[in-house]
ModelCIF file with pLDDT and N, C-alpha, C, O atoms, coordinates in Angstrom:
data_MODEL
#
_entry.id   MODEL 
#
_entity.id                         1 
_entity.type                       polymer 
_entity.pdbx_number_of_molecules   1 
#
_entity_poly.entity_id                      1 
_entity_poly.type                           'polypeptide(L)' 
_entity_poly.nstd_linkage                   no 
_entity_poly.nstd_monomer                   no 
_entity_poly.pdbx_seq_one_letter_code       TPEQGAERVEFILRAPPRYGRAITLLCWMLA 
_entity_poly.pdbx_seq_one_letter_code_can   TPEQGAERVEFILRAPPRYGRAITLLCWMLA 
_entity_poly.pdbx_strand_id                 A 
#
loop_
_entity_poly_seq.entity_id 
_entity_poly_seq.num 
_entity_poly_seq.mon_id 
_entity_poly_seq.hetero 
1 1  THR n 
1 2  PRO n 
1 3  GLU n 
1 4  GLN n 
1 5  GLY n 
1 6  ALA n 
1 7  GLU n 
1 8  ARG n 
1 9  VAL n 
1 10 GLU n 
1 11 PHE n 
1 12 ILE n 
1 13 LEU n 
1 14 ARG n 
1 15 ALA n 
1 16 PRO n 
1 17 PRO n 
1 18 ARG n 
1 19 TYR n 
1 20 GLY n 
1 21 ARG n 
1 22 ALA n 
1 23 ILE n 
1 24 THR n 
1 25 LEU n 
1 26 LEU n 
1 27 CYS n 
1 28 TRP n 
1 29 MET n 
1 30 LEU n 
1 31 ALA n 
#
_struct_asym.id          A 
_struct_asym.entity_id   1 
#
loop_
_ma_qa_metric.id 
_ma_qa_metric.mode 
_ma_qa_metric.name 
_ma_qa_metric.software_group_id 
_ma_qa_metric.type 
1 global pLDDT . pLDDT 
2 local  pLDDT . pLDDT 
#
_ma_qa_metric_global.metric_id      1 
_ma_qa_metric_global.metric_value   87.35 
_ma_qa_metric_global.model_id       1 
_ma_qa_metric_global.ordinal_id     1 
#
loop_
_ma_qa_metric_local.label_asym_id 
_ma_qa_metric_local.label_comp_id 
_ma_qa_metric_local.label_seq_id 
_ma_qa_metric_local.metric_id 
_ma_qa_metric_local.metric_value 
_ma_qa_metric_local.model_id 
_ma_qa_metric_local.ordinal_id 
A THR 1  2 86.00 1 1  
A PRO 2  2 85.00 1 2  
A GLU 3  2 86.00 1 3  
A GLN 4  2 86.00 1 4  
A GLY 5  2 86.00 1 5  
A ALA 6  2 85.00 1 6  
A GLU 7  2 87.00 1 7  
A ARG 8  2 89.00 1 8  
A VAL 9  2 87.00 1 9  
A GLU 10 2 87.00 1 10 
A PHE 11 2 88.00 1 11 
A ILE 12 2 87.00 1 12 
A LEU 13 2 86.00 1 13 
A ARG 14 2 86.00 1 14 
A ALA 15 2 83.00 1 15 
A PRO 16 2 85.00 1 16 
A PRO 17 2 82.00 1 17 
A ARG 18 2 83.00 1 18 
A TYR 19 2 85.00 1 19 
A GLY 20 2 86.00 1 20 
A ARG 21 2 88.00 1 21 
A ALA 22 2 90.00 1 22 
A ILE 23 2 91.00 1 23 
A THR 24 2 90.00 1 24 
A LEU 25 2 91.00 1 25 
A LEU 26 2 92.00 1 26 
A CYS 27 2 90.00 1 27 
A TRP 28 2 90.00 1 28 
A MET 29 2 91.00 1 29 
A LEU 30 2 91.00 1 30 
A ALA 31 2 89.00 1 31 
#
loop_
_atom_site.group_PDB 
_atom_site.id 
_atom_site.type_symbol 
_atom_site.label_atom_id 
_atom_site.label_alt_id 
_atom_site.label_comp_id 
_atom_site.label_asym_id 
_atom_site.label_entity_id 
_atom_site.label_seq_id 
_atom_site.pdbx_PDB_ins_code 
_atom_site.Cartn_x 
_atom_site.Cartn_y 
_atom_site.Cartn_z 
_atom_site.occupancy 
_atom_site.B_iso_or_equiv 
_atom_site.pdbx_formal_charge 
_atom_site.auth_seq_id 
_atom_site.auth_comp_id 
_atom_site.auth_asym_id 
_atom_site.auth_atom_id 
_atom_site.pdbx_PDB_model_num 
ATOM 1   N N  . THR A 1 1  ? 13.229  -16.567 -0.744  1.00 86.00 ? 1  THR A N  1 
ATOM 2   C CA . THR A 1 1  ? 14.599  -16.207 -0.398  1.00 86.00 ? 1  THR A CA 1 
ATOM 3   C C  . THR A 1 1  ? 14.894  -14.777 -0.854  1.00 86.00 ? 1  THR A C  1 
ATOM 4   O O  . THR A 1 1  ? 14.184  -14.243 -1.706  1.00 86.00 ? 1  THR A O  1 
ATOM 5   N N  . PRO A 1 2  ? 15.940  -14.149 -0.291  1.00 85.00 ? 2  PRO A N  1 
ATOM 6   C CA . PRO A 1 2  ? 16.324  -12.818 -0.782  1.00 85.00 ? 2  PRO A CA 1 
ATOM 7   C C  . PRO A 1 2  ? 16.648  -12.797 -2.271  1.00 85.00 ? 2  PRO A C  1 
ATOM 8   O O  . PRO A 1 2  ? 16.357  -11.812 -2.950  1.00 85.00 ? 2  PRO A O  1 
ATOM 9   N N  . GLU A 1 3  ? 17.255  -13.884 -2.794  1.00 86.00 ? 3  GLU A N  1 
ATOM 10  C CA . GLU A 1 3  ? 17.542  -13.928 -4.229  1.00 86.00 ? 3  GLU A CA 1 
ATOM 11  C C  . GLU A 1 3  ? 16.251  -13.863 -5.034  1.00 86.00 ? 3  GLU A C  1 
ATOM 12  O O  . GLU A 1 3  ? 16.155  -13.121 -6.012  1.00 86.00 ? 3  GLU A O  1 
ATOM 13  N N  . GLN A 1 4  ? 15.254  -14.650 -4.615  1.00 86.00 ? 4  GLN A N  1 
ATOM 14  C CA . GLN A 1 4  ? 13.962  -14.607 -5.299  1.00 86.00 ? 4  GLN A CA 1 
ATOM 15  C C  . GLN A 1 4  ? 13.296  -13.246 -5.126  1.00 86.00 ? 4  GLN A C  1 
ATOM 16  O O  . GLN A 1 4  ? 12.634  -12.748 -6.037  1.00 86.00 ? 4  GLN A O  1 
ATOM 17  N N  . GLY A 1 5  ? 13.477  -12.652 -3.950  1.00 86.00 ? 5  GLY A N  1 
ATOM 18  C CA . GLY A 1 5  ? 12.910  -11.332 -3.703  1.00 86.00 ? 5  GLY A CA 1 
ATOM 19  C C  . GLY A 1 5  ? 13.492  -10.284 -4.628  1.00 86.00 ? 5  GLY A C  1 
ATOM 20  O O  . GLY A 1 5  ? 12.756  -9.442  -5.143  1.00 86.00 ? 5  GLY A O  1 
ATOM 21  N N  . ALA A 1 6  ? 14.803  -10.314 -4.851  1.00 85.00 ? 6  ALA A N  1 
ATOM 22  C CA . ALA A 1 6  ? 15.439  -9.354  -5.757  1.00 85.00 ? 6  ALA A CA 1 
ATOM 23  C C  . ALA A 1 6  ? 14.902  -9.521  -7.180  1.00 85.00 ? 6  ALA A C  1 
ATOM 24  O O  . ALA A 1 6  ? 14.697  -8.535  -7.888  1.00 85.00 ? 6  ALA A O  1 
ATOM 25  N N  . GLU A 1 7  ? 14.676  -10.772 -7.598  1.00 87.00 ? 7  GLU A N  1 
ATOM 26  C CA . GLU A 1 7  ? 14.113  -11.010 -8.931  1.00 87.00 ? 7  GLU A CA 1 
ATOM 27  C C  . GLU A 1 7  ? 12.690  -10.472 -9.021  1.00 87.00 ? 7  GLU A C  1 
ATOM 28  O O  . GLU A 1 7  ? 12.295  -9.910  -10.043 1.00 87.00 ? 7  GLU A O  1 
ATOM 29  N N  . ARG A 1 8  ? 11.927  -10.645 -7.952  1.00 89.00 ? 8  ARG A N  1 
ATOM 30  C CA . ARG A 1 8  ? 10.550  -10.146 -7.939  1.00 89.00 ? 8  ARG A CA 1 
ATOM 31  C C  . ARG A 1 8  ? 10.521  -8.625  -7.988  1.00 89.00 ? 8  ARG A C  1 
ATOM 32  O O  . ARG A 1 8  ? 9.634   -8.048  -8.617  1.00 89.00 ? 8  ARG A O  1 
ATOM 33  N N  . VAL A 1 9  ? 11.472  -7.967  -7.338  1.00 87.00 ? 9  VAL A N  1 
ATOM 34  C CA . VAL A 1 9  ? 11.537  -6.499  -7.397  1.00 87.00 ? 9  VAL A CA 1 
ATOM 35  C C  . VAL A 1 9  ? 11.700  -6.050  -8.842  1.00 87.00 ? 9  VAL A C  1 
ATOM 36  O O  . VAL A 1 9  ? 11.015  -5.131  -9.293  1.00 87.00 ? 9  VAL A O  1 
ATOM 37  N N  . GLU A 1 10 ? 12.608  -6.698  -9.567  1.00 87.00 ? 10 GLU A N  1 
ATOM 38  C CA . GLU A 1 10 ? 12.818  -6.338  -10.967 1.00 87.00 ? 10 GLU A CA 1 
ATOM 39  C C  . GLU A 1 10 ? 11.564  -6.589  -11.802 1.00 87.00 ? 10 GLU A C  1 
ATOM 40  O O  . GLU A 1 10 ? 11.250  -5.810  -12.702 1.00 87.00 ? 10 GLU A O  1 
ATOM 41  N N  . PHE A 1 11 ? 10.851  -7.667  -11.508 1.00 88.00 ? 11 PHE A N  1 
ATOM 42  C CA . PHE A 1 11 ? 9.615   -7.967  -12.232 1.00 88.00 ? 11 PHE A CA 1 
ATOM 43  C C  . PHE A 1 11 ? 8.570   -6.885  -11.971 1.00 88.00 ? 11 PHE A C  1 
ATOM 44  O O  . PHE A 1 11 ? 7.871   -6.467  -12.895 1.00 88.00 ? 11 PHE A O  1 
ATOM 45  N N  . ILE A 1 12 ? 8.456   -6.429  -10.725 1.00 87.00 ? 12 ILE A N  1 
ATOM 46  C CA . ILE A 1 12 ? 7.494   -5.374  -10.393 1.00 87.00 ? 12 ILE A CA 1 
ATOM 47  C C  . ILE A 1 12 ? 7.852   -4.068  -11.110 1.00 87.00 ? 12 ILE A C  1 
ATOM 48  O O  . ILE A 1 12 ? 6.971   -3.368  -11.609 1.00 87.00 ? 12 ILE A O  1 
ATOM 49  N N  . LEU A 1 13 ? 9.138   -3.748  -11.159 1.00 86.00 ? 13 LEU A N  1 
ATOM 50  C CA . LEU A 1 13 ? 9.562   -2.500  -11.792 1.00 86.00 ? 13 LEU A CA 1 
ATOM 51  C C  . LEU A 1 13 ? 9.352   -2.532  -13.300 1.00 86.00 ? 13 LEU A C  1 
ATOM 52  O O  . LEU A 1 13 ? 9.075   -1.498  -13.908 1.00 86.00 ? 13 LEU A O  1 
ATOM 53  N N  . ARG A 1 14 ? 9.482   -3.705  -13.908 1.00 86.00 ? 14 ARG A N  1 
ATOM 54  C CA . ARG A 1 14 ? 9.349   -3.802  -15.362 1.00 86.00 ? 14 ARG A CA 1 
ATOM 55  C C  . ARG A 1 14 ? 7.902   -3.898  -15.828 1.00 86.00 ? 14 ARG A C  1 
ATOM 56  O O  . ARG A 1 14 ? 7.636   -3.773  -17.024 1.00 86.00 ? 14 ARG A O  1 
ATOM 57  N N  . ALA A 1 15 ? 6.979   -4.114  -14.928 1.00 83.00 ? 15 ALA A N  1 
ATOM 58  C CA . ALA A 1 15 ? 5.576   -4.262  -15.314 1.00 83.00 ? 15 ALA A CA 1 
ATOM 59  C C  . ALA A 1 15 ? 5.063   -2.972  -15.951 1.00 83.00 ? 15 ALA A C  1 
ATOM 60  O O  . ALA A 1 15 ? 5.380   -1.886  -15.465 1.00 83.00 ? 15 ALA A O  1 
ATOM 61  N N  . PRO A 1 16 ? 4.283   -3.061  -17.019 1.00 85.00 ? 16 PRO A N  1 
ATOM 62  C CA . PRO A 1 16 ? 3.755   -1.848  -17.661 1.00 85.00 ? 16 PRO A CA 1 
ATOM 63  C C  . PRO A 1 16 ? 2.761   -1.146  -16.748 1.00 85.00 ? 16 PRO A C  1 
ATOM 64  O O  . PRO A 1 16 ? 2.142   -1.790  -15.900 1.00 85.00 ? 16 PRO A O  1 
ATOM 65  N N  . PRO A 1 17 ? 2.599   0.153   -16.906 1.00 82.00 ? 17 PRO A N  1 
ATOM 66  C CA . PRO A 1 17 ? 1.625   0.874   -16.078 1.00 82.00 ? 17 PRO A CA 1 
ATOM 67  C C  . PRO A 1 17 ? 0.216   0.356   -16.313 1.00 82.00 ? 17 PRO A C  1 
ATOM 68  O O  . PRO A 1 17 ? -0.150  -0.016  -17.428 1.00 82.00 ? 17 PRO A O  1 
ATOM 69  N N  . ARG A 1 18 ? -0.564  0.339   -15.245 1.00 83.00 ? 18 ARG A N  1 
ATOM 70  C CA . ARG A 1 18 ? -1.917  -0.211  -15.357 1.00 83.00 ? 18 ARG A CA 1 
ATOM 71  C C  . ARG A 1 18 ? -2.810  0.677   -16.214 1.00 83.00 ? 18 ARG A C  1 
ATOM 72  O O  . ARG A 1 18 ? -3.617  0.177   -16.998 1.00 83.00 ? 18 ARG A O  1 
ATOM 73  N N  . TYR A 1 19 ? -2.672  1.976   -16.070 1.00 85.00 ? 19 TYR A N  1 
ATOM 74  C CA . TYR A 1 19 ? -3.568  2.896   -16.764 1.00 85.00 ? 19 TYR A CA 1 
ATOM 75  C C  . TYR A 1 19 ? -2.837  3.544   -17.937 1.00 85.00 ? 19 TYR A C  1 
ATOM 76  O O  . TYR A 1 19 ? -1.693  3.979   -17.806 1.00 85.00 ? 19 TYR A O  1 
ATOM 77  N N  . GLY A 1 20 ? -3.515  3.603   -19.088 1.00 86.00 ? 20 GLY A N  1 
ATOM 78  C CA . GLY A 1 20 ? -2.926  4.174   -20.282 1.00 86.00 ? 20 GLY A CA 1 
ATOM 79  C C  . GLY A 1 20 ? -2.942  5.690   -20.278 1.00 86.00 ? 20 GLY A C  1 
ATOM 80  O O  . GLY A 1 20 ? -3.445  6.318   -19.347 1.00 86.00 ? 20 GLY A O  1 
ATOM 81  N N  . ARG A 1 21 ? -2.392  6.261   -21.320 1.00 88.00 ? 21 ARG A N  1 
ATOM 82  C CA . ARG A 1 21 ? -2.286  7.722   -21.413 1.00 88.00 ? 21 ARG A CA 1 
ATOM 83  C C  . ARG A 1 21 ? -3.655  8.384   -21.539 1.00 88.00 ? 21 ARG A C  1 
ATOM 84  O O  . ARG A 1 21 ? -3.877  9.458   -20.981 1.00 88.00 ? 21 ARG A O  1 
ATOM 85  N N  . ALA A 1 22 ? -4.564  7.756   -22.262 1.00 90.00 ? 22 ALA A N  1 
ATOM 86  C CA . ALA A 1 22 ? -5.875  8.374   -22.498 1.00 90.00 ? 22 ALA A CA 1 
ATOM 87  C C  . ALA A 1 22 ? -6.659  8.521   -21.197 1.00 90.00 ? 22 ALA A C  1 
ATOM 88  O O  . ALA A 1 22 ? -7.190  9.595   -20.914 1.00 90.00 ? 22 ALA A O  1 
ATOM 89  N N  . ILE A 1 23 ? -6.738  7.450   -20.401 1.00 91.00 ? 23 ILE A N  1 
ATOM 90  C CA . ILE A 1 23 ? -7.497  7.531   -19.155 1.00 91.00 ? 23 ILE A CA 1 
ATOM 91  C C  . ILE A 1 23 ? -6.791  8.437   -18.142 1.00 91.00 ? 23 ILE A C  1 
ATOM 92  O O  . ILE A 1 23 ? -7.445  9.069   -17.313 1.00 91.00 ? 23 ILE A O  1 
ATOM 93  N N  . THR A 1 24 ? -5.467  8.499   -18.208 1.00 90.00 ? 24 THR A N  1 
ATOM 94  C CA . THR A 1 24 ? -4.749  9.412   -17.317 1.00 90.00 ? 24 THR A CA 1 
ATOM 95  C C  . THR A 1 24 ? -5.067  10.861  -17.643 1.00 90.00 ? 24 THR A C  1 
ATOM 96  O O  . THR A 1 24 ? -5.287  11.668  -16.739 1.00 90.00 ? 24 THR A O  1 
ATOM 97  N N  . LEU A 1 25 ? -5.092  11.200  -18.935 1.00 91.00 ? 25 LEU A N  1 
ATOM 98  C CA . LEU A 1 25 ? -5.445  12.560  -19.341 1.00 91.00 ? 25 LEU A CA 1 
ATOM 99  C C  . LEU A 1 25 ? -6.880  12.889  -18.945 1.00 91.00 ? 25 LEU A C  1 
ATOM 100 O O  . LEU A 1 25 ? -7.168  14.007  -18.517 1.00 91.00 ? 25 LEU A O  1 
ATOM 101 N N  . LEU A 1 26 ? -7.777  11.921  -19.085 1.00 92.00 ? 26 LEU A N  1 
ATOM 102 C CA . LEU A 1 26 ? -9.166  12.141  -18.675 1.00 92.00 ? 26 LEU A CA 1 
ATOM 103 C C  . LEU A 1 26 ? -9.244  12.474  -17.190 1.00 92.00 ? 26 LEU A C  1 
ATOM 104 O O  . LEU A 1 26 ? -10.027 13.330  -16.778 1.00 92.00 ? 26 LEU A O  1 
ATOM 105 N N  . CYS A 1 27 ? -8.429  11.793  -16.391 1.00 90.00 ? 27 CYS A N  1 
ATOM 106 C CA . CYS A 1 27 ? -8.455  12.040  -14.945 1.00 90.00 ? 27 CYS A CA 1 
ATOM 107 C C  . CYS A 1 27 ? -7.810  13.371  -14.583 1.00 90.00 ? 27 CYS A C  1 
ATOM 108 O O  . CYS A 1 27 ? -8.199  13.988  -13.592 1.00 90.00 ? 27 CYS A O  1 
ATOM 109 N N  . TRP A 1 28 ? -6.829  13.830  -15.365 1.00 90.00 ? 28 TRP A N  1 
ATOM 110 C CA . TRP A 1 28 ? -6.330  15.199  -15.182 1.00 90.00 ? 28 TRP A CA 1 
ATOM 111 C C  . TRP A 1 28 ? -7.490  16.187  -15.313 1.00 90.00 ? 28 TRP A C  1 
ATOM 112 O O  . TRP A 1 28 ? -7.651  17.084  -14.485 1.00 90.00 ? 28 TRP A O  1 
ATOM 113 N N  . MET A 1 29 ? -8.280  16.016  -16.345 1.00 91.00 ? 29 MET A N  1 
ATOM 114 C CA . MET A 1 29 ? -9.391  16.932  -16.606 1.00 91.00 ? 29 MET A CA 1 
ATOM 115 C C  . MET A 1 29 ? -10.474 16.818  -15.538 1.00 91.00 ? 29 MET A C  1 
ATOM 116 O O  . MET A 1 29 ? -10.990 17.830  -15.064 1.00 91.00 ? 29 MET A O  1 
ATOM 117 N N  . LEU A 1 30 ? -10.819 15.583  -15.158 1.00 91.00 ? 30 LEU A N  1 
ATOM 118 C CA . LEU A 1 30 ? -11.869 15.392  -14.157 1.00 91.00 ? 30 LEU A CA 1 
ATOM 119 C C  . LEU A 1 30 ? -11.458 15.932  -12.795 1.00 91.00 ? 30 LEU A C  1 
ATOM 120 O O  . LEU A 1 30 ? -12.276 16.525  -12.092 1.00 91.00 ? 30 LEU A O  1 
ATOM 121 N N  . ALA A 1 31 ? -10.197 15.732  -12.415 1.00 89.00 ? 31 ALA A N  1 
ATOM 122 C CA . ALA A 1 31 ? -9.736  16.227  -11.119 1.00 89.00 ? 31 ALA A CA 1 
ATOM 123 C C  . ALA A 1 31 ? -9.834  17.748  -11.045 1.00 89.00 ? 31 ALA A C  1 
ATOM 124 O O  . ALA A 1 31 ? -9.487  18.340  -10.023 1.00 89.00 ? 31 ALA A O  1 
#
């Protein structure tokens, strides 16, 4: 339902980022 969909949107937004700061910095350097 749209109500469930709105709740799922909030769950997606609150999820922590998949990649941490260390691997992100490594990819800045590699790129």
